[in-house]
Amino acid sequence: MPEVFTSNFMYLIKTPFWLRRIYPSLTWRNPNDTNTIYITFDDGPIPNVTPFVLNSLNEYNAKATFFCIGDNVRKHPEVFDQVVKAGHAVGNHTFNHLKGWATADQEYLANMLKCHELVNSGLFRPPYGRIKYSQISLLRSKIPDLKIIMWDVLSGDFDQNLNPEGCLKNVLEKTEPGSIVVFHDSLKAFKRLEYTLPRALKAWSDEGFQFGTL
């Protein structure tokens, strides 16, 4: 079964059309005629990094969508509350960042529902972009209106072999109206995120982009 390959050795910055066709029921982009893009953050919330993101977004009056790991919400509820109170959207990213491809379906479902207890959202993003067709059906059988959000542009901020300038180049060259852009509010990504996010927000604002939530 096809997957989005996001290891440190190979990953796709721009999601190709053929992958969207393989998984047509998932949301890859959000086409619009308003010059709006959709910034998303995976793997938080955590101290220091998530507040940095919130401050950066606030400077440009930008809203975003945060796909939260349930265990991080459990450990850092005050940071999660900051995200919600700032008016951002939140989504489910499983409780323990499980890789669907390597996880039994019922275990995957239980882990997702455990996160749902803390992050009551109709949005879900599979960690690593890896999810089985059977898991898609199973999750939707429990939450019928569930929207599974993938992405159009992957920043690569998680890649420790990528320099910050390369990360910025990735997002500025590939983002277009309707793009769903992925960053990570994680310690692993912070070096690249800290450099890229403020500069990308400024460049996008200068180009007339608006920032929407999913």
C-alpha atoms as a PDB file:
ATOM      1  CA  MET A   1       0.000   0.000   0.000  1.00  0.00           C
ATOM      2  CA  PRO A   2       1.369   3.473  -0.830  1.00  0.00           C
ATOM      3  CA  GLU A   3       2.506   5.765   1.934  1.00  0.00           C
ATOM      4  CA  VAL A   4       3.916   9.205   2.401  1.00  0.00           C
ATOM      5  CA  PHE A   5       7.587   8.464   3.061  1.00  0.00           C
ATOM      6  CA  THR A   6       8.830  10.987   5.613  1.00  0.00           C
ATOM      7  CA  SER A   7      12.052   9.597   6.994  1.00  0.00           C
ATOM      8  CA  ASN A   8      15.185  11.716   7.281  1.00  0.00           C
ATOM      9  CA  PHE A   9      16.407  10.171   4.038  1.00  0.00           C
ATOM     10  CA  MET A  10      13.520  10.763   1.672  1.00  0.00           C
ATOM     11  CA  TYR A  11      10.330  12.746   1.733  1.00  0.00           C
ATOM     12  CA  LEU A  12       8.166  14.728  -0.620  1.00  0.00           C
ATOM     13  CA  ILE A  13       8.053  18.506  -0.124  1.00  0.00           C
ATOM     14  CA  LYS A  14       5.133  18.960  -2.518  1.00  0.00           C
ATOM     15  CA  THR A  15       2.455  16.286  -2.426  1.00  0.00           C
ATOM     16  CA  PRO A  16       2.061  14.908  -5.970  1.00  0.00           C
ATOM     17  CA  PHE A  17      -1.325  14.624  -7.679  1.00  0.00           C
ATOM     18  CA  TRP A  18      -1.114  10.844  -7.914  1.00  0.00           C
ATOM     19  CA  LEU A  19      -0.912  10.478  -4.153  1.00  0.00           C
ATOM     20  CA  ARG A  20      -4.015  12.628  -3.706  1.00  0.00           C
ATOM     21  CA  ARG A  21      -5.808  10.357  -6.172  1.00  0.00           C
ATOM     22  CA  ILE A  22      -4.845   7.234  -4.243  1.00  0.00           C
ATOM     23  CA  TYR A  23      -6.415   8.679  -1.085  1.00  0.00           C
ATOM     24  CA  PRO A  24      -9.215  10.889  -2.470  1.00  0.00           C
ATOM     25  CA  SER A  25     -11.236  10.859   0.758  1.00  0.00           C
ATOM     26  CA  LEU A  26      -8.448  12.602   2.671  1.00  0.00           C
ATOM     27  CA  THR A  27      -7.953  16.366   2.658  1.00  0.00           C
ATOM     28  CA  TRP A  28      -4.694  17.351   0.972  1.00  0.00           C
ATOM     29  CA  ARG A  29      -5.346  20.990   0.122  1.00  0.00           C
ATOM     30  CA  ASN A  30      -8.165  23.467   0.536  1.00  0.00           C
ATOM     31  CA  PRO A  31      -8.562  25.228  -2.835  1.00  0.00           C
ATOM     32  CA  ASN A  32      -9.979  28.728  -2.635  1.00  0.00           C
ATOM     33  CA  ASP A  33     -10.036  32.031  -4.479  1.00  0.00           C
ATOM     34  CA  THR A  34      -9.128  34.151  -1.451  1.00  0.00           C
ATOM     35  CA  ASN A  35      -5.345  33.689  -1.457  1.00  0.00           C
ATOM     36  CA  THR A  36      -5.624  31.766   1.814  1.00  0.00           C
ATOM     37  CA  ILE A  37      -3.104  29.208   3.054  1.00  0.00           C
ATOM     38  CA  TYR A  38      -3.431  26.845   6.000  1.00  0.00           C
ATOM     39  CA  ILE A  39      -0.480  26.553   8.360  1.00  0.00           C
ATOM     40  CA  THR A  40      -0.462  23.481  10.579  1.00  0.00           C
ATOM     41  CA  PHE A  41       1.748  22.267  13.405  1.00  0.00           C
ATOM     42  CA  ASP A  42       2.226  18.641  14.481  1.00  0.00           C
ATOM     43  CA  ASP A  43       3.502  16.951  17.646  1.00  0.00           C
ATOM     44  CA  GLY A  44       2.928  19.582  20.367  1.00  0.00           C
ATOM     45  CA  PRO A  45       1.980  21.118  22.596  1.00  0.00           C
ATOM     46  CA  ILE A  46       5.203  21.524  24.562  1.00  0.00           C
ATOM     47  CA  PRO A  47       6.741  24.366  26.602  1.00  0.00           C
ATOM     48  CA  ASN A  48       8.980  26.925  24.891  1.00  0.00           C
ATOM     49  CA  VAL A  49       8.447  25.726  21.326  1.00  0.00           C
ATOM     50  CA  THR A  50       4.649  26.017  21.169  1.00  0.00           C
ATOM     51  CA  PRO A  51       4.644  29.453  22.889  1.00  0.00           C
ATOM     52  CA  PHE A  52       7.261  30.601  20.360  1.00  0.00           C
ATOM     53  CA  VAL A  53       4.920  29.522  17.585  1.00  0.00           C
ATOM     54  CA  LEU A  54       1.984  31.305  19.198  1.00  0.00           C
ATOM     55  CA  ASN A  55       3.967  34.533  19.558  1.00  0.00           C
ATOM     56  CA  SER A  56       5.143  34.338  15.941  1.00  0.00           C
ATOM     57  CA  LEU A  57       1.613  33.789  14.655  1.00  0.00           C
ATOM     58  CA  ASN A  58       0.237  36.584  16.808  1.00  0.00           C
ATOM     59  CA  GLU A  59       2.695  39.060  15.316  1.00  0.00           C
ATOM     60  CA  TYR A  60       1.029  38.567  11.930  1.00  0.00           C
ATOM     61  CA  ASN A  61      -2.503  38.036  13.237  1.00  0.00           C
ATOM     62  CA  ALA A  62      -2.290  34.547  11.742  1.00  0.00           C
ATOM     63  CA  LYS A  63      -4.428  31.595  12.783  1.00  0.00           C
ATOM     64  CA  ALA A  64      -3.268  28.001  12.405  1.00  0.00           C
ATOM     65  CA  THR A  65      -4.273  24.421  13.164  1.00  0.00           C
ATOM     66  CA  PHE A  66      -2.385  22.389  15.779  1.00  0.00           C
ATOM     67  CA  PHE A  67      -2.467  18.591  15.547  1.00  0.00           C
ATOM     68  CA  CYS A  68      -1.739  17.598  19.126  1.00  0.00           C
ATOM     69  CA  ILE A  69      -0.296  14.446  20.632  1.00  0.00           C
ATOM     70  CA  GLY A  70      -2.577  13.420  23.472  1.00  0.00           C
ATOM     71  CA  ASP A  71       0.238  12.583  25.859  1.00  0.00           C
ATOM     72  CA  ASN A  72       1.682  16.078  25.374  1.00  0.00           C
ATOM     73  CA  VAL A  73      -1.722  17.591  26.130  1.00  0.00           C
ATOM     74  CA  ARG A  74      -1.846  15.474  29.282  1.00  0.00           C
ATOM     75  CA  LYS A  75       1.624  16.620  30.359  1.00  0.00           C
ATOM     76  CA  HIS A  76       1.256  20.267  29.343  1.00  0.00           C
ATOM     77  CA  PRO A  77      -2.421  21.262  29.654  1.00  0.00           C
ATOM     78  CA  GLU A  78      -1.504  24.894  30.261  1.00  0.00           C
ATOM     79  CA  VAL A  79       0.237  25.086  26.870  1.00  0.00           C
ATOM     80  CA  PHE A  80      -2.731  23.437  25.167  1.00  0.00           C
ATOM     81  CA  ASP A  81      -4.994  26.016  26.805  1.00  0.00           C
ATOM     82  CA  GLN A  82      -2.808  28.786  25.357  1.00  0.00           C
ATOM     83  CA  VAL A  83      -3.348  27.383  21.863  1.00  0.00           C
ATOM     84  CA  VAL A  84      -7.118  27.231  22.295  1.00  0.00           C
ATOM     85  CA  LYS A  85      -7.429  30.633  23.961  1.00  0.00           C
ATOM     86  CA  ALA A  86      -5.444  32.228  21.134  1.00  0.00           C
ATOM     87  CA  GLY A  87      -8.207  31.161  18.738  1.00  0.00           C
ATOM     88  CA  HIS A  88      -6.381  28.442  16.837  1.00  0.00           C
ATOM     89  CA  ALA A  89      -7.957  25.190  15.692  1.00  0.00           C
ATOM     90  CA  VAL A  90      -6.828  21.893  17.209  1.00  0.00           C
ATOM     91  CA  GLY A  91      -6.788  18.369  15.877  1.00  0.00           C
ATOM     92  CA  ASN A  92      -5.980  14.816  16.955  1.00  0.00           C
ATOM     93  CA  HIS A  93      -2.524  13.332  16.237  1.00  0.00           C
ATOM     94  CA  THR A  94      -3.015  10.129  18.308  1.00  0.00           C
ATOM     95  CA  PHE A  95      -2.044   9.795  21.950  1.00  0.00           C
ATOM     96  CA  ASN A  96       1.440   8.366  21.384  1.00  0.00           C
ATOM     97  CA  HIS A  97       2.346   9.375  17.815  1.00  0.00           C
ATOM     98  CA  LEU A  98       1.639   5.927  16.435  1.00  0.00           C
ATOM     99  CA  LYS A  99       2.650   4.896  12.946  1.00  0.00           C
ATOM    100  CA  GLY A 100      -0.495   3.455  11.408  1.00  0.00           C
ATOM    101  CA  TRP A 101       1.380   1.272   8.953  1.00  0.00           C
ATOM    102  CA  ALA A 102       3.046  -0.595  11.837  1.00  0.00           C
ATOM    103  CA  THR A 103       0.093  -0.685  14.257  1.00  0.00           C
ATOM    104  CA  ALA A 104      -2.850  -3.084  14.528  1.00  0.00           C
ATOM    105  CA  ASP A 105      -6.128  -1.418  13.626  1.00  0.00           C
ATOM    106  CA  GLN A 106      -7.858  -1.755  16.999  1.00  0.00           C
ATOM    107  CA  GLU A 107      -4.764  -0.491  18.827  1.00  0.00           C
ATOM    108  CA  TYR A 108      -4.613   2.487  16.477  1.00  0.00           C
ATOM    109  CA  LEU A 109      -8.274   3.261  17.050  1.00  0.00           C
ATOM    110  CA  ALA A 110      -7.950   3.019  20.832  1.00  0.00           C
ATOM    111  CA  ASN A 111      -4.944   5.320  20.819  1.00  0.00           C
ATOM    112  CA  MET A 112      -6.724   7.864  18.644  1.00  0.00           C
ATOM    113  CA  LEU A 113      -9.813   7.785  20.879  1.00  0.00           C
ATOM    114  CA  LYS A 114      -7.643   8.249  23.961  1.00  0.00           C
ATOM    115  CA  CYS A 115      -6.370  11.465  22.415  1.00  0.00           C
ATOM    116  CA  HIS A 116      -9.933  12.407  21.441  1.00  0.00           C
ATOM    117  CA  GLU A 117     -10.871  12.456  25.130  1.00  0.00           C
ATOM    118  CA  LEU A 118      -8.430  15.355  25.598  1.00  0.00           C
ATOM    119  CA  VAL A 119      -8.611  16.959  22.150  1.00  0.00           C
ATOM    120  CA  ASN A 120     -12.276  16.880  21.228  1.00  0.00           C
ATOM    121  CA  SER A 121     -11.923  17.629  17.546  1.00  0.00           C
ATOM    122  CA  GLY A 122     -13.328  16.450  14.248  1.00  0.00           C
ATOM    123  CA  LEU A 123      -9.870  16.825  12.679  1.00  0.00           C
ATOM    124  CA  PHE A 124      -7.276  14.054  12.589  1.00  0.00           C
ATOM    125  CA  ARG A 125      -3.813  13.828  11.077  1.00  0.00           C
ATOM    126  CA  PRO A 126      -2.048  10.443  11.002  1.00  0.00           C
ATOM    127  CA  PRO A 127       1.522  10.637  12.325  1.00  0.00           C
ATOM    128  CA  TYR A 128       4.106  10.270   9.536  1.00  0.00           C
ATOM    129  CA  GLY A 129       1.229  10.460   7.054  1.00  0.00           C
ATOM    130  CA  ARG A 130       0.965   6.695   7.338  1.00  0.00           C
ATOM    131  CA  ILE A 131      -2.487   5.189   7.672  1.00  0.00           C
ATOM    132  CA  LYS A 132      -4.122   2.052   6.298  1.00  0.00           C
ATOM    133  CA  TYR A 133      -7.373   2.091   4.341  1.00  0.00           C
ATOM    134  CA  SER A 134      -8.836  -0.161   7.032  1.00  0.00           C
ATOM    135  CA  GLN A 135      -7.880   2.351   9.716  1.00  0.00           C
ATOM    136  CA  ILE A 136      -9.504   5.192   7.801  1.00  0.00           C
ATOM    137  CA  SER A 137     -12.772   3.240   7.720  1.00  0.00           C
ATOM    138  CA  LEU A 138     -12.509   2.229  11.365  1.00  0.00           C
ATOM    139  CA  LEU A 139     -11.871   5.760  12.630  1.00  0.00           C
ATOM    140  CA  ARG A 140     -14.787   7.117  10.638  1.00  0.00           C
ATOM    141  CA  SER A 141     -17.069   4.394  11.942  1.00  0.00           C
ATOM    142  CA  LYS A 142     -16.511   5.819  15.431  1.00  0.00           C
ATOM    143  CA  ILE A 143     -16.456   9.516  14.456  1.00  0.00           C
ATOM    144  CA  PRO A 144     -18.605   9.758  11.292  1.00  0.00           C
ATOM    145  CA  ASP A 145     -17.808  13.384  10.474  1.00  0.00           C
ATOM    146  CA  LEU A 146     -14.064  12.951  10.988  1.00  0.00           C
ATOM    147  CA  LYS A 147     -11.899  14.892   8.539  1.00  0.00           C
ATOM    148  CA  ILE A 148      -8.493  13.317   7.964  1.00  0.00           C
ATOM    149  CA  ILE A 149      -6.108  16.129   7.111  1.00  0.00           C
ATOM    150  CA  MET A 150      -2.938  15.477   5.178  1.00  0.00           C
ATOM    151  CA  TRP A 151      -0.890  18.230   3.504  1.00  0.00           C
ATOM    152  CA  ASP A 152       0.148  19.930   0.313  1.00  0.00           C
ATOM    153  CA  VAL A 153       3.558  21.224   1.490  1.00  0.00           C
ATOM    154  CA  LEU A 154       5.904  19.524   3.951  1.00  0.00           C
ATOM    155  CA  SER A 155       8.451  21.970   5.385  1.00  0.00           C
ATOM    156  CA  GLY A 156      11.043  19.332   6.281  1.00  0.00           C
ATOM    157  CA  ASP A 157      11.699  21.045   9.619  1.00  0.00           C
ATOM    158  CA  PHE A 158      11.989  17.617  11.270  1.00  0.00           C
ATOM    159  CA  ASP A 159      14.970  16.749   9.059  1.00  0.00           C
ATOM    160  CA  GLN A 160      18.144  17.304  11.065  1.00  0.00           C
ATOM    161  CA  ASN A 161      20.189  17.108   7.853  1.00  0.00           C
ATOM    162  CA  LEU A 162      18.351  20.092   6.387  1.00  0.00           C
ATOM    163  CA  ASN A 163      19.696  23.551   7.146  1.00  0.00           C
ATOM    164  CA  PRO A 164      17.256  26.308   8.197  1.00  0.00           C
ATOM    165  CA  GLU A 165      17.692  28.147   4.894  1.00  0.00           C
ATOM    166  CA  GLY A 166      16.661  25.015   3.018  1.00  0.00           C
ATOM    167  CA  CYS A 167      13.584  24.663   5.184  1.00  0.00           C
ATOM    168  CA  LEU A 168      12.546  28.231   4.399  1.00  0.00           C
ATOM    169  CA  LYS A 169      13.145  27.648   0.708  1.00  0.00           C
ATOM    170  CA  ASN A 170      10.940  24.546   0.799  1.00  0.00           C
ATOM    171  CA  VAL A 171       7.880  26.389   2.042  1.00  0.00           C
ATOM    172  CA  LEU A 172       8.299  29.623   0.106  1.00  0.00           C
ATOM    173  CA  GLU A 173       8.809  27.884  -3.241  1.00  0.00           C
ATOM    174  CA  LYS A 174       5.997  25.339  -2.904  1.00  0.00           C
ATOM    175  CA  THR A 175       3.188  27.152  -1.080  1.00  0.00           C
ATOM    176  CA  GLU A 176       0.274  28.483  -3.141  1.00  0.00           C
ATOM    177  CA  PRO A 177      -3.342  29.496  -2.436  1.00  0.00           C
ATOM    178  CA  GLY A 178      -5.123  26.574  -0.784  1.00  0.00           C
ATOM    179  CA  SER A 179      -1.925  24.896   0.428  1.00  0.00           C
ATOM    180  CA  ILE A 180      -1.903  23.051   3.735  1.00  0.00           C
ATOM    181  CA  VAL A 181       1.614  23.527   5.108  1.00  0.00           C
ATOM    182  CA  VAL A 182       3.144  21.305   7.807  1.00  0.00           C
ATOM    183  CA  PHE A 183       5.518  22.455  10.520  1.00  0.00           C
ATOM    184  CA  HIS A 184       6.304  20.740  13.837  1.00  0.00           C
ATOM    185  CA  ASP A 185       6.242  22.399  17.255  1.00  0.00           C
ATOM    186  CA  SER A 186       8.775  19.920  18.597  1.00  0.00           C
ATOM    187  CA  LEU A 187      12.281  20.082  20.024  1.00  0.00           C
ATOM    188  CA  LYS A 188      13.612  18.091  17.079  1.00  0.00           C
ATOM    189  CA  ALA A 189      12.323  20.660  14.605  1.00  0.00           C
ATOM    190  CA  PHE A 190      12.944  23.807  16.620  1.00  0.00           C
ATOM    191  CA  LYS A 191      16.256  24.880  15.076  1.00  0.00           C
ATOM    192  CA  ARG A 192      14.687  25.025  11.621  1.00  0.00           C
ATOM    193  CA  LEU A 193      11.283  26.186  12.828  1.00  0.00           C
ATOM    194  CA  GLU A 194      12.740  29.102  14.789  1.00  0.00           C
ATOM    195  CA  TYR A 195      14.479  30.368  11.657  1.00  0.00           C
ATOM    196  CA  THR A 196      11.788  29.580   9.106  1.00  0.00           C
ATOM    197  CA  LEU A 197       8.453  30.458  10.679  1.00  0.00           C
ATOM    198  CA  PRO A 198       8.932  34.222  11.269  1.00  0.00           C
ATOM    199  CA  ARG A 199      10.533  34.689   7.843  1.00  0.00           C
ATOM    200  CA  ALA A 200       7.846  32.661   6.086  1.00  0.00           C
ATOM    201  CA  LEU A 201       5.065  34.562   7.835  1.00  0.00           C
ATOM    202  CA  LYS A 202       6.603  37.869   6.767  1.00  0.00           C
ATOM    203  CA  ALA A 203       7.111  36.735   3.170  1.00  0.00           C
ATOM    204  CA  TRP A 204       3.589  35.321   2.912  1.00  0.00           C
ATOM    205  CA  SER A 205       2.093  38.463   4.447  1.00  0.00           C
ATOM    206  CA  ASP A 206       4.059  40.645   2.029  1.00  0.00           C
ATOM    207  CA  GLU A 207       2.685  38.534  -0.842  1.00  0.00           C
ATOM    208  CA  GLY A 208      -0.875  39.124   0.343  1.00  0.00           C
ATOM    209  CA  PHE A 209      -1.606  35.664   1.696  1.00  0.00           C
ATOM    210  CA  GLN A 210      -4.260  35.222   4.368  1.00  0.00           C
ATOM    211  CA  PHE A 211      -4.011  32.534   7.045  1.00  0.00           C
ATOM    212  CA  GLY A 212      -6.945  30.233   7.741  1.00  0.00           C
ATOM    213  CA  THR A 213      -7.810  27.352  10.055  1.00  0.00           C
ATOM    214  CA  LEU A 214      -9.076  23.977   8.912  1.00  0.00           C
END
